[in-house]
Amino acid sequence: MANRFPPVRSESRIPKEVVIELQSFENAGHEITSTIDLSPHGARVLTNDPWAPNQDVFVLFFGGALLSRAHVVYCRPLAHRSYSVGLEFLEPPWEWLAFHEPSLPPRPN
C-alpha cells in the first residue's frame, strides 16, 4: 500500500519573498514568480502554471545573480488558478543560506 502521508520536514521554514525564475530542463517552460517561504535546502513558490512533481528545474534568483538546480517535490492547486510548488535544491548555492536567515533589526549607534 502506498504511503499516503508526505515525509516529515526536518528543517524549519521562514516566510520570505524572493523573486525567482523557474526554467524547465525538459522543455522551454519558464515562469517568473516568487517564493512564499524558505528553508536551507528548499523553497515553496507560488506559480500560475502547474509544475510536474519529480521534474528538475533551474532556479534563477535576482535576475540571474544566483543559479541553482532544484527538484519539484509537489504541486498543489490553490484558489484563483494558482499553485503551491515545493522545491528541493539539488545544489543550493552557499549564498542561499543568507536568504534563510531572519532579518535582524538595525543596531543602535
PDB file of N, CA and C in Angstrom:
ATOM      1  N   MET A   1       0.830  -1.176   0.000  1.00  0.00           N
ATOM      2  CA  MET A   1       0.000   0.000   0.000  1.00  0.00           C
ATOM      3  C   MET A   1       0.882   1.249   0.000  1.00  0.00           C
ATOM      4  N   ALA A   2       0.541   2.221  -0.811  1.00  0.00           N
ATOM      5  CA  ALA A   2       1.331   3.441  -0.930  1.00  0.00           C
ATOM      6  C   ALA A   2       1.202   4.300   0.318  1.00  0.00           C
ATOM      7  N   ASN A   3       2.285   4.990   0.635  1.00  0.00           N
ATOM      8  CA  ASN A   3       2.290   5.896   1.776  1.00  0.00           C
ATOM      9  C   ASN A   3       1.428   7.109   1.443  1.00  0.00           C
ATOM     10  N   ARG A   4       0.430   7.388   2.265  1.00  0.00           N
ATOM     11  CA  ARG A   4      -0.489   8.491   2.000  1.00  0.00           C
ATOM     12  C   ARG A   4      -0.003   9.796   2.601  1.00  0.00           C
ATOM     13  N   PHE A   5       1.010   9.749   3.440  1.00  0.00           N
ATOM     14  CA  PHE A   5       1.474  10.949   4.129  1.00  0.00           C
ATOM     15  C   PHE A   5       2.801  11.405   3.553  1.00  0.00           C
ATOM     16  N   PRO A   6       2.984  12.736   3.393  1.00  0.00           N
ATOM     17  CA  PRO A   6       4.274  13.219   2.898  1.00  0.00           C
ATOM     18  C   PRO A   6       5.347  13.017   3.952  1.00  0.00           C
ATOM     19  N   PRO A   7       6.620  13.023   3.544  1.00  0.00           N
ATOM     20  CA  PRO A   7       7.693  12.870   4.522  1.00  0.00           C
ATOM     21  C   PRO A   7       7.663  14.028   5.522  1.00  0.00           C
ATOM     22  N   VAL A   8       8.116  13.757   6.723  1.00  0.00           N
ATOM     23  CA  VAL A   8       8.151  14.769   7.763  1.00  0.00           C
ATOM     24  C   VAL A   8       9.295  15.736   7.478  1.00  0.00           C
ATOM     25  N   ARG A   9       8.999  17.040   7.551  1.00  0.00           N
ATOM     26  CA  ARG A   9      10.001  18.065   7.284  1.00  0.00           C
ATOM     27  C   ARG A   9      10.908  18.199   8.495  1.00  0.00           C
ATOM     28  N   SER A  10      12.215  18.151   8.266  1.00  0.00           N
ATOM     29  CA  SER A  10      13.162  18.240   9.369  1.00  0.00           C
ATOM     30  C   SER A  10      13.762  19.638   9.507  1.00  0.00           C
ATOM     31  N   GLU A  11      13.549  20.506   8.526  1.00  0.00           N
ATOM     32  CA  GLU A  11      14.089  21.858   8.566  1.00  0.00           C
ATOM     33  C   GLU A  11      12.952  22.860   8.718  1.00  0.00           C
ATOM     34  N   SER A  12      13.218  23.916   9.457  1.00  0.00           N
ATOM     35  CA  SER A  12      12.202  24.947   9.611  1.00  0.00           C
ATOM     36  C   SER A  12      12.197  25.838   8.380  1.00  0.00           C
ATOM     37  N   ARG A  13      11.044  26.423   8.120  1.00  0.00           N
ATOM     38  CA  ARG A  13      10.896  27.373   7.029  1.00  0.00           C
ATOM     39  C   ARG A  13      10.678  28.753   7.624  1.00  0.00           C
ATOM     40  N   ILE A  14      11.118  29.765   6.899  1.00  0.00           N
ATOM     41  CA  ILE A  14      10.802  31.125   7.305  1.00  0.00           C
ATOM     42  C   ILE A  14      10.065  31.799   6.157  1.00  0.00           C
ATOM     43  N   PRO A  15       9.064  32.606   6.454  1.00  0.00           N
ATOM     44  CA  PRO A  15       8.383  33.338   5.380  1.00  0.00           C
ATOM     45  C   PRO A  15       9.346  34.358   4.774  1.00  0.00           C
ATOM     46  N   LYS A  16       9.516  34.306   3.477  1.00  0.00           N
ATOM     47  CA  LYS A  16      10.423  35.238   2.811  1.00  0.00           C
ATOM     48  C   LYS A  16      10.064  35.263   1.330  1.00  0.00           C
ATOM     49  N   GLU A  17       9.865  36.461   0.791  1.00  0.00           N
ATOM     50  CA  GLU A  17       9.551  36.598  -0.623  1.00  0.00           C
ATOM     51  C   GLU A  17      10.816  36.979  -1.381  1.00  0.00           C
ATOM     52  N   VAL A  18      11.210  36.118  -2.316  1.00  0.00           N
ATOM     53  CA  VAL A  18      12.373  36.337  -3.161  1.00  0.00           C
ATOM     54  C   VAL A  18      11.925  36.112  -4.602  1.00  0.00           C
ATOM     55  N   VAL A  19      12.186  37.055  -5.485  1.00  0.00           N
ATOM     56  CA  VAL A  19      11.796  36.908  -6.885  1.00  0.00           C
ATOM     57  C   VAL A  19      12.723  35.905  -7.552  1.00  0.00           C
ATOM     58  N   ILE A  20      12.124  34.947  -8.257  1.00  0.00           N
ATOM     59  CA  ILE A  20      12.889  33.903  -8.941  1.00  0.00           C
ATOM     60  C   ILE A  20      12.309  33.660 -10.332  1.00  0.00           C
ATOM     61  N   GLU A  21      13.077  32.946 -11.132  1.00  0.00           N
ATOM     62  CA  GLU A  21      12.584  32.437 -12.411  1.00  0.00           C
ATOM     63  C   GLU A  21      12.803  30.942 -12.421  1.00  0.00           C
ATOM     64  N   LEU A  22      11.746  30.191 -12.712  1.00  0.00           N
ATOM     65  CA  LEU A  22      11.831  28.739 -12.871  1.00  0.00           C
ATOM     66  C   LEU A  22      11.988  28.431 -14.349  1.00  0.00           C
ATOM     67  N   GLN A  23      12.911  27.523 -14.690  1.00  0.00           N
ATOM     68  CA  GLN A  23      13.110  27.093 -16.068  1.00  0.00           C
ATOM     69  C   GLN A  23      13.149  25.577 -16.094  1.00  0.00           C
ATOM     70  N   SER A  24      12.387  24.987 -16.997  1.00  0.00           N
ATOM     71  CA  SER A  24      12.335  23.538 -17.137  1.00  0.00           C
ATOM     72  C   SER A  24      13.583  23.005 -17.824  1.00  0.00           C
ATOM     73  N   PHE A  25      14.046  21.816 -17.398  1.00  0.00           N
ATOM     74  CA  PHE A  25      15.121  21.102 -18.098  1.00  0.00           C
ATOM     75  C   PHE A  25      14.597  20.489 -19.397  1.00  0.00           C
ATOM     76  N   GLU A  26      13.339  20.001 -19.343  1.00  0.00           N
ATOM     77  CA  GLU A  26      12.800  19.182 -20.433  1.00  0.00           C
ATOM     78  C   GLU A  26      12.246  19.974 -21.606  1.00  0.00           C
ATOM     79  N   ASN A  27      11.746  21.189 -21.370  1.00  0.00           N
ATOM     80  CA  ASN A  27      11.127  21.943 -22.452  1.00  0.00           C
ATOM     81  C   ASN A  27      11.412  23.425 -22.258  1.00  0.00           C
ATOM     82  N   ALA A  28      10.769  24.252 -23.038  1.00  0.00           N
ATOM     83  CA  ALA A  28      11.019  25.692 -22.987  1.00  0.00           C
ATOM     84  C   ALA A  28      10.201  26.385 -21.899  1.00  0.00           C
ATOM     85  N   GLY A  29       9.550  25.620 -21.022  1.00  0.00           N
ATOM     86  CA  GLY A  29       8.722  26.213 -19.987  1.00  0.00           C
ATOM     87  C   GLY A  29       9.535  27.043 -19.007  1.00  0.00           C
ATOM     88  N   HIS A  30       8.995  28.216 -18.666  1.00  0.00           N
ATOM     89  CA  HIS A  30       9.616  29.050 -17.641  1.00  0.00           C
ATOM     90  C   HIS A  30       8.550  29.960 -17.053  1.00  0.00           C
ATOM     91  N   GLU A  31       8.814  30.463 -15.858  1.00  0.00           N
ATOM     92  CA  GLU A  31       7.868  31.346 -15.190  1.00  0.00           C
ATOM     93  C   GLU A  31       8.618  32.213 -14.180  1.00  0.00           C
ATOM     94  N   ILE A  32       8.307  33.500 -14.192  1.00  0.00           N
ATOM     95  CA  ILE A  32       8.838  34.412 -13.178  1.00  0.00           C
ATOM     96  C   ILE A  32       7.826  34.469 -12.050  1.00  0.00           C
ATOM     97  N   THR A  33       8.287  34.230 -10.837  1.00  0.00           N
ATOM     98  CA  THR A  33       7.403  34.134  -9.685  1.00  0.00           C
ATOM     99  C   THR A  33       8.175  34.526  -8.431  1.00  0.00           C
ATOM    100  N   SER A  34       7.653  34.163  -7.270  1.00  0.00           N
ATOM    101  CA  SER A  34       8.372  34.464  -6.030  1.00  0.00           C
ATOM    102  C   SER A  34       8.169  33.346  -5.022  1.00  0.00           C
ATOM    103  N   THR A  35       9.084  33.302  -4.071  1.00  0.00           N
ATOM    104  CA  THR A  35       8.978  32.314  -3.005  1.00  0.00           C
ATOM    105  C   THR A  35       7.927  32.760  -1.991  1.00  0.00           C
ATOM    106  N   ILE A  36       7.383  31.781  -1.273  1.00  0.00           N
ATOM    107  CA  ILE A  36       6.473  32.035  -0.156  1.00  0.00           C
ATOM    108  C   ILE A  36       7.259  31.890   1.141  1.00  0.00           C
ATOM    109  N   ASP A  37       8.022  30.805   1.221  1.00  0.00           N
ATOM    110  CA  ASP A  37       8.886  30.594   2.368  1.00  0.00           C
ATOM    111  C   ASP A  37      10.113  29.796   1.946  1.00  0.00           C
ATOM    112  N   LEU A  38      11.123  29.808   2.826  1.00  0.00           N
ATOM    113  CA  LEU A  38      12.419  29.221   2.504  1.00  0.00           C
ATOM    114  C   LEU A  38      12.905  28.320   3.624  1.00  0.00           C
ATOM    115  N   SER A  39      13.719  27.356   3.253  1.00  0.00           N
ATOM    116  CA  SER A  39      14.489  26.558   4.207  1.00  0.00           C
ATOM    117  C   SER A  39      15.901  26.487   3.638  1.00  0.00           C
ATOM    118  N   PRO A  40      16.877  25.997   4.400  1.00  0.00           N
ATOM    119  CA  PRO A  40      18.242  25.950   3.863  1.00  0.00           C
ATOM    120  C   PRO A  40      18.380  25.125   2.585  1.00  0.00           C
ATOM    121  N   HIS A  41      17.485  24.169   2.350  1.00  0.00           N
ATOM    122  CA  HIS A  41      17.634  23.296   1.183  1.00  0.00           C
ATOM    123  C   HIS A  41      16.421  23.284   0.264  1.00  0.00           C
ATOM    124  N   GLY A  42      15.522  24.252   0.418  1.00  0.00           N
ATOM    125  CA  GLY A  42      14.352  24.261  -0.434  1.00  0.00           C
ATOM    126  C   GLY A  42      13.540  25.527  -0.296  1.00  0.00           C
ATOM    127  N   ALA A  43      12.429  25.542  -1.033  1.00  0.00           N
ATOM    128  CA  ALA A  43      11.540  26.695  -1.015  1.00  0.00           C
ATOM    129  C   ALA A  43      10.149  26.268  -1.440  1.00  0.00           C
ATOM    130  N   ARG A  44       9.175  27.058  -1.021  1.00  0.00           N
ATOM    131  CA  ARG A  44       7.816  26.913  -1.531  1.00  0.00           C
ATOM    132  C   ARG A  44       7.556  28.148  -2.362  1.00  0.00           C
ATOM    133  N   VAL A  45       7.093  27.963  -3.602  1.00  0.00           N
ATOM    134  CA  VAL A  45       6.852  29.078  -4.505  1.00  0.00           C
ATOM    135  C   VAL A  45       5.399  29.076  -4.954  1.00  0.00           C
ATOM    136  N   LEU A  46       4.935  30.243  -5.356  1.00  0.00           N
ATOM    137  CA  LEU A  46       3.589  30.422  -5.883  1.00  0.00           C
ATOM    138  C   LEU A  46       3.710  30.548  -7.388  1.00  0.00           C
ATOM    139  N   THR A  47       2.987  29.714  -8.138  1.00  0.00           N
ATOM    140  CA  THR A  47       3.071  29.759  -9.599  1.00  0.00           C
ATOM    141  C   THR A  47       1.688  29.911 -10.213  1.00  0.00           C
ATOM    142  N   ASN A  48       1.666  30.369 -11.456  1.00  0.00           N
ATOM    143  CA  ASN A  48       0.415  30.461 -12.211  1.00  0.00           C
ATOM    144  C   ASN A  48       0.150  29.189 -13.001  1.00  0.00           C
ATOM    145  N   ASP A  49       1.214  28.450 -13.287  1.00  0.00           N
ATOM    146  CA  ASP A  49       1.112  27.226 -14.073  1.00  0.00           C
ATOM    147  C   ASP A  49       1.525  26.039 -13.217  1.00  0.00           C
ATOM    148  N   PRO A  50       0.951  24.861 -13.468  1.00  0.00           N
ATOM    149  CA  PRO A  50       1.376  23.683 -12.715  1.00  0.00           C
ATOM    150  C   PRO A  50       2.757  23.214 -13.168  1.00  0.00           C
ATOM    151  N   TRP A  51       3.531  22.708 -12.220  1.00  0.00           N
ATOM    152  CA  TRP A  51       4.832  22.105 -12.496  1.00  0.00           C
ATOM    153  C   TRP A  51       4.761  20.666 -12.027  1.00  0.00           C
ATOM    154  N   ALA A  52       5.268  19.744 -12.832  1.00  0.00           N
ATOM    155  CA  ALA A  52       5.127  18.319 -12.562  1.00  0.00           C
ATOM    156  C   ALA A  52       6.027  17.862 -11.420  1.00  0.00           C
ATOM    157  N   PRO A  53       5.462  17.137 -10.437  1.00  0.00           N
ATOM    158  CA  PRO A  53       6.319  16.533  -9.410  1.00  0.00           C
ATOM    159  C   PRO A  53       7.377  15.649 -10.073  1.00  0.00           C
ATOM    160  N   ASN A  54       8.553  15.606  -9.467  1.00  0.00           N
ATOM    161  CA  ASN A  54       9.726  14.868  -9.945  1.00  0.00           C
ATOM    162  C   ASN A  54      10.417  15.536 -11.129  1.00  0.00           C
ATOM    163  N   GLN A  55       9.924  16.693 -11.554  1.00  0.00           N
ATOM    164  CA  GLN A  55      10.559  17.441 -12.634  1.00  0.00           C
ATOM    165  C   GLN A  55      11.759  18.205 -12.070  1.00  0.00           C
ATOM    166  N   ASP A  56      12.862  18.239 -12.823  1.00  0.00           N
ATOM    167  CA  ASP A  56      14.019  19.027 -12.424  1.00  0.00           C
ATOM    168  C   ASP A  56      13.957  20.375 -13.133  1.00  0.00           C
ATOM    169  N   VAL A  57      14.318  21.429 -12.406  1.00  0.00           N
ATOM    170  CA  VAL A  57      14.233  22.787 -12.923  1.00  0.00           C
ATOM    171  C   VAL A  57      15.489  23.569 -12.549  1.00  0.00           C
ATOM    172  N   PHE A  58      15.749  24.628 -13.315  1.00  0.00           N
ATOM    173  CA  PHE A  58      16.728  25.631 -12.929  1.00  0.00           C
ATOM    174  C   PHE A  58      15.977  26.718 -12.180  1.00  0.00           C
ATOM    175  N   VAL A  59      16.600  27.266 -11.137  1.00  0.00           N
ATOM    176  CA  VAL A  59      16.033  28.377 -10.387  1.00  0.00           C
ATOM    177  C   VAL A  59      17.026  29.523 -10.458  1.00  0.00           C
ATOM    178  N   LEU A  60      16.601  30.655 -11.032  1.00  0.00           N
ATOM    179  CA  LEU A  60      17.437  31.848 -11.110  1.00  0.00           C
ATOM    180  C   LEU A  60      16.912  32.867 -10.114  1.00  0.00           C
ATOM    181  N   PHE A  61      17.797  33.448  -9.329  1.00  0.00           N
ATOM    182  CA  PHE A  61      17.439  34.429  -8.315  1.00  0.00           C
ATOM    183  C   PHE A  61      17.909  35.815  -8.747  1.00  0.00           C
ATOM    184  N   PHE A  62      17.170  36.840  -8.395  1.00  0.00           N
ATOM    185  CA  PHE A  62      17.568  38.239  -8.606  1.00  0.00           C
ATOM    186  C   PHE A  62      18.063  38.497 -10.026  1.00  0.00           C
ATOM    187  N   GLY A  63      17.274  38.157 -11.001  1.00  0.00           N
ATOM    188  CA  GLY A  63      17.654  38.446 -12.374  1.00  0.00           C
ATOM    189  C   GLY A  63      18.883  37.699 -12.847  1.00  0.00           C
ATOM    190  N   GLY A  64      19.144  36.524 -12.262  1.00  0.00           N
ATOM    191  CA  GLY A  64      20.253  35.701 -12.713  1.00  0.00           C
ATOM    192  C   GLY A  64      21.499  35.803 -11.868  1.00  0.00           C
ATOM    193  N   ALA A  65      21.442  36.522 -10.742  1.00  0.00           N
ATOM    194  CA  ALA A  65      22.627  36.650  -9.890  1.00  0.00           C
ATOM    195  C   ALA A  65      23.007  35.317  -9.253  1.00  0.00           C
ATOM    196  N   LEU A  66      22.035  34.484  -8.926  1.00  0.00           N
ATOM    197  CA  LEU A  66      22.278  33.149  -8.372  1.00  0.00           C
ATOM    198  C   LEU A  66      21.536  32.137  -9.217  1.00  0.00           C
ATOM    199  N   LEU A  67      22.132  30.975  -9.393  1.00  0.00           N
ATOM    200  CA  LEU A  67      21.516  29.907 -10.176  1.00  0.00           C
ATOM    201  C   LEU A  67      21.651  28.608  -9.403  1.00  0.00           C
ATOM    202  N   SER A  68      20.565  27.832  -9.364  1.00  0.00           N
ATOM    203  CA  SER A  68      20.610  26.533  -8.704  1.00  0.00           C
ATOM    204  C   SER A  68      19.718  25.558  -9.461  1.00  0.00           C
ATOM    205  N   ARG A  69      19.989  24.281  -9.271  1.00  0.00           N
ATOM    206  CA  ARG A  69      19.111  23.238  -9.788  1.00  0.00           C
ATOM    207  C   ARG A  69      18.213  22.788  -8.657  1.00  0.00           C
ATOM    208  N   ALA A  70      16.966  22.473  -8.999  1.00  0.00           N
ATOM    209  CA  ALA A  70      16.011  22.034  -7.977  1.00  0.00           C
ATOM    210  C   ALA A  70      15.141  20.931  -8.547  1.00  0.00           C
ATOM    211  N   HIS A  71      14.503  20.234  -7.634  1.00  0.00           N
ATOM    212  CA  HIS A  71      13.605  19.125  -7.938  1.00  0.00           C
ATOM    213  C   HIS A  71      12.224  19.521  -7.424  1.00  0.00           C
ATOM    214  N   VAL A  72      11.197  19.402  -8.269  1.00  0.00           N
ATOM    215  CA  VAL A  72       9.826  19.697  -7.843  1.00  0.00           C
ATOM    216  C   VAL A  72       9.344  18.532  -6.989  1.00  0.00           C
ATOM    217  N   VAL A  73       9.050  18.807  -5.724  1.00  0.00           N
ATOM    218  CA  VAL A  73       8.610  17.772  -4.792  1.00  0.00           C
ATOM    219  C   VAL A  73       7.100  17.601  -4.871  1.00  0.00           C
ATOM    220  N   TYR A  74       6.373  18.729  -4.949  1.00  0.00           N
ATOM    221  CA  TYR A  74       4.907  18.660  -5.050  1.00  0.00           C
ATOM    222  C   TYR A  74       4.401  19.895  -5.776  1.00  0.00           C
ATOM    223  N   CYS A  75       3.174  19.800  -6.270  1.00  0.00           N
ATOM    224  CA  CYS A  75       2.476  20.918  -6.898  1.00  0.00           C
ATOM    225  C   CYS A  75       1.016  20.787  -6.504  1.00  0.00           C
ATOM    226  N   ARG A  76       0.543  21.740  -5.697  1.00  0.00           N
ATOM    227  CA  ARG A  76      -0.833  21.682  -5.190  1.00  0.00           C
ATOM    228  C   ARG A  76      -1.636  22.865  -5.715  1.00  0.00           C
ATOM    229  N   PRO A  77      -2.840  22.603  -6.229  1.00  0.00           N
ATOM    230  CA  PRO A  77      -3.672  23.720  -6.703  1.00  0.00           C
ATOM    231  C   PRO A  77      -4.151  24.581  -5.536  1.00  0.00           C
ATOM    232  N   LEU A  78      -4.212  25.881  -5.782  1.00  0.00           N
ATOM    233  CA  LEU A  78      -4.729  26.847  -4.824  1.00  0.00           C
ATOM    234  C   LEU A  78      -5.916  27.575  -5.458  1.00  0.00           C
ATOM    235  N   ALA A  79      -6.537  28.425  -4.697  1.00  0.00           N
ATOM    236  CA  ALA A  79      -7.629  29.238  -5.235  1.00  0.00           C
ATOM    237  C   ALA A  79      -7.098  30.183  -6.309  1.00  0.00           C
ATOM    238  N   HIS A  80      -7.972  30.683  -7.135  1.00  0.00           N
ATOM    239  CA  HIS A  80      -7.645  31.676  -8.162  1.00  0.00           C
ATOM    240  C   HIS A  80      -6.651  31.155  -9.190  1.00  0.00           C
ATOM    241  N   ARG A  81      -6.726  29.877  -9.508  1.00  0.00           N
ATOM    242  CA  ARG A  81      -5.915  29.272 -10.569  1.00  0.00           C
ATOM    243  C   ARG A  81      -4.416  29.457 -10.363  1.00  0.00           C
ATOM    244  N   SER A  82      -3.965  29.273  -9.146  1.00  0.00           N
ATOM    245  CA  SER A  82      -2.539  29.318  -8.860  1.00  0.00           C
ATOM    246  C   SER A  82      -2.130  28.015  -8.182  1.00  0.00           C
ATOM    247  N   TYR A  83      -0.828  27.833  -7.986  1.00  0.00           N
ATOM    248  CA  TYR A  83      -0.301  26.581  -7.452  1.00  0.00           C
ATOM    249  C   TYR A  83       0.784  26.858  -6.406  1.00  0.00           C
ATOM    250  N   SER A  84       0.824  26.001  -5.413  1.00  0.00           N
ATOM    251  CA  SER A  84       1.902  25.995  -4.428  1.00  0.00           C
ATOM    252  C   SER A  84       2.848  24.881  -4.845  1.00  0.00           C
ATOM    253  N   VAL A  85       4.100  25.237  -5.099  1.00  0.00           N
ATOM    254  CA  VAL A  85       5.089  24.276  -5.599  1.00  0.00           C
ATOM    255  C   VAL A  85       6.231  24.178  -4.594  1.00  0.00           C
ATOM    256  N   GLY A  86       6.519  22.954  -4.157  1.00  0.00           N
ATOM    257  CA  GLY A  86       7.634  22.708  -3.256  1.00  0.00           C
ATOM    258  C   GLY A  86       8.870  22.337  -4.040  1.00  0.00           C
ATOM    259  N   LEU A  87       9.971  23.030  -3.779  1.00  0.00           N
ATOM    260  CA  LEU A  87      11.237  22.775  -4.459  1.00  0.00           C
ATOM    261  C   LEU A  87      12.275  22.288  -3.470  1.00  0.00           C
ATOM    262  N   GLU A  88      13.034  21.286  -3.875  1.00  0.00           N
ATOM    263  CA  GLU A  88      14.200  20.830  -3.114  1.00  0.00           C
ATOM    264  C   GLU A  88      15.423  21.148  -3.956  1.00  0.00           C
ATOM    265  N   PHE A  89      16.338  21.943  -3.393  1.00  0.00           N
ATOM    266  CA  PHE A  89      17.526  22.326  -4.147  1.00  0.00           C
ATOM    267  C   PHE A  89      18.511  21.172  -4.201  1.00  0.00           C
ATOM    268  N   LEU A  90      18.965  20.845  -5.419  1.00  0.00           N
ATOM    269  CA  LEU A  90      19.941  19.783  -5.613  1.00  0.00           C
ATOM    270  C   LEU A  90      21.340  20.303  -5.347  1.00  0.00           C
ATOM    271  N   GLU A  91      21.558  21.576  -5.608  1.00  0.00           N
ATOM    272  CA  GLU A  91      22.854  22.223  -5.405  1.00  0.00           C
ATOM    273  C   GLU A  91      22.606  23.602  -4.818  1.00  0.00           C
ATOM    274  N   PRO A  92      22.219  23.704  -3.529  1.00  0.00           N
ATOM    275  CA  PRO A  92      21.951  25.048  -3.007  1.00  0.00           C
ATOM    276  C   PRO A  92      23.230  25.867  -2.955  1.00  0.00           C
ATOM    277  N   PRO A  93      23.230  27.053  -3.605  1.00  0.00           N
ATOM    278  CA  PRO A  93      24.428  27.885  -3.517  1.00  0.00           C
ATOM    279  C   PRO A  93      24.614  28.362  -2.088  1.00  0.00           C
ATOM    280  N   TRP A  94      25.849  28.556  -1.658  1.00  0.00           N
ATOM    281  CA  TRP A  94      26.088  28.963  -0.272  1.00  0.00           C
ATOM    282  C   TRP A  94      25.390  30.275   0.043  1.00  0.00           C
ATOM    283  N   GLU A  95      25.211  31.153  -0.964  1.00  0.00           N
ATOM    284  CA  GLU A  95      24.538  32.420  -0.738  1.00  0.00           C
ATOM    285  C   GLU A  95      23.078  32.213  -0.338  1.00  0.00           C
ATOM    286  N   TRP A  96      22.498  31.081  -0.723  1.00  0.00           N
ATOM    287  CA  TRP A  96      21.101  30.793  -0.414  1.00  0.00           C
ATOM    288  C   TRP A  96      20.861  30.771   1.089  1.00  0.00           C
ATOM    289  N   LEU A  97      21.841  30.312   1.843  1.00  0.00           N
ATOM    290  CA  LEU A  97      21.682  30.253   3.289  1.00  0.00           C
ATOM    291  C   LEU A  97      21.467  31.642   3.882  1.00  0.00           C
ATOM    292  N   ALA A  98      22.010  32.678   3.255  1.00  0.00           N
ATOM    293  CA  ALA A  98      21.801  34.042   3.743  1.00  0.00           C
ATOM    294  C   ALA A  98      20.339  34.443   3.598  1.00  0.00           C
ATOM    295  N   PHE A  99      19.637  33.945   2.583  1.00  0.00           N
ATOM    296  CA  PHE A  99      18.216  34.246   2.425  1.00  0.00           C
ATOM    297  C   PHE A  99      17.403  33.629   3.552  1.00  0.00           C
ATOM    298  N   HIS A 100      17.873  32.503   4.075  1.00  0.00           N
ATOM    299  CA  HIS A 100      17.122  31.785   5.101  1.00  0.00           C
ATOM    300  C   HIS A 100      17.231  32.455   6.465  1.00  0.00           C
ATOM    301  N   GLU A 101      18.280  33.239   6.678  1.00  0.00           N
ATOM    302  CA  GLU A 101      18.453  33.898   7.981  1.00  0.00           C
ATOM    303  C   GLU A 101      17.397  34.971   8.176  1.00  0.00           C
ATOM    304  N   PRO A 102      16.740  35.015   9.346  1.00  0.00           N
ATOM    305  CA  PRO A 102      15.789  36.087   9.596  1.00  0.00           C
ATOM    306  C   PRO A 102      16.517  37.439   9.619  1.00  0.00           C
ATOM    307  N   SER A 103      15.849  38.465   9.175  1.00  0.00           N
ATOM    308  CA  SER A 103      16.437  39.801   9.185  1.00  0.00           C
ATOM    309  C   SER A 103      16.545  40.287  10.629  1.00  0.00           C
ATOM    310  N   LEU A 104      17.704  40.842  10.952  1.00  0.00           N
ATOM    311  CA  LEU A 104      17.909  41.383  12.280  1.00  0.00           C
ATOM    312  C   LEU A 104      17.559  42.865  12.286  1.00  0.00           C
ATOM    313  N   PRO A 105      17.027  43.366  13.423  1.00  0.00           N
ATOM    314  CA  PRO A 105      16.738  44.802  13.479  1.00  0.00           C
ATOM    315  C   PRO A 105      18.044  45.589  13.466  1.00  0.00           C
ATOM    316  N   PRO A 106      18.023  46.835  12.974  1.00  0.00           N
ATOM    317  CA  PRO A 106      19.251  47.629  12.950  1.00  0.00           C
ATOM    318  C   PRO A 106      19.762  47.870  14.370  1.00  0.00           C
ATOM    319  N   ARG A 107      21.075  47.902  14.502  1.00  0.00           N
ATOM    320  CA  ARG A 107      21.679  48.133  15.812  1.00  0.00           C
ATOM    321  C   ARG A 107      21.769  49.636  16.065  1.00  0.00           C
ATOM    322  N   PRO A 108      21.517  50.068  17.305  1.00  0.00           N
ATOM    323  CA  PRO A 108      21.639  51.498  17.601  1.00  0.00           C
ATOM    324  C   PRO A 108      23.115  51.919  17.573  1.00  0.00           C
ATOM    325  N   ASN A 109      23.373  53.157  17.192  1.00  0.00           N
ATOM    326  CA  ASN A 109      24.752  53.662  17.130  1.00  0.00           C
ATOM    327  C   ASN A 109      25.186  54.202  18.461  1.00  0.00           C
TER     328      ASN A 109
END
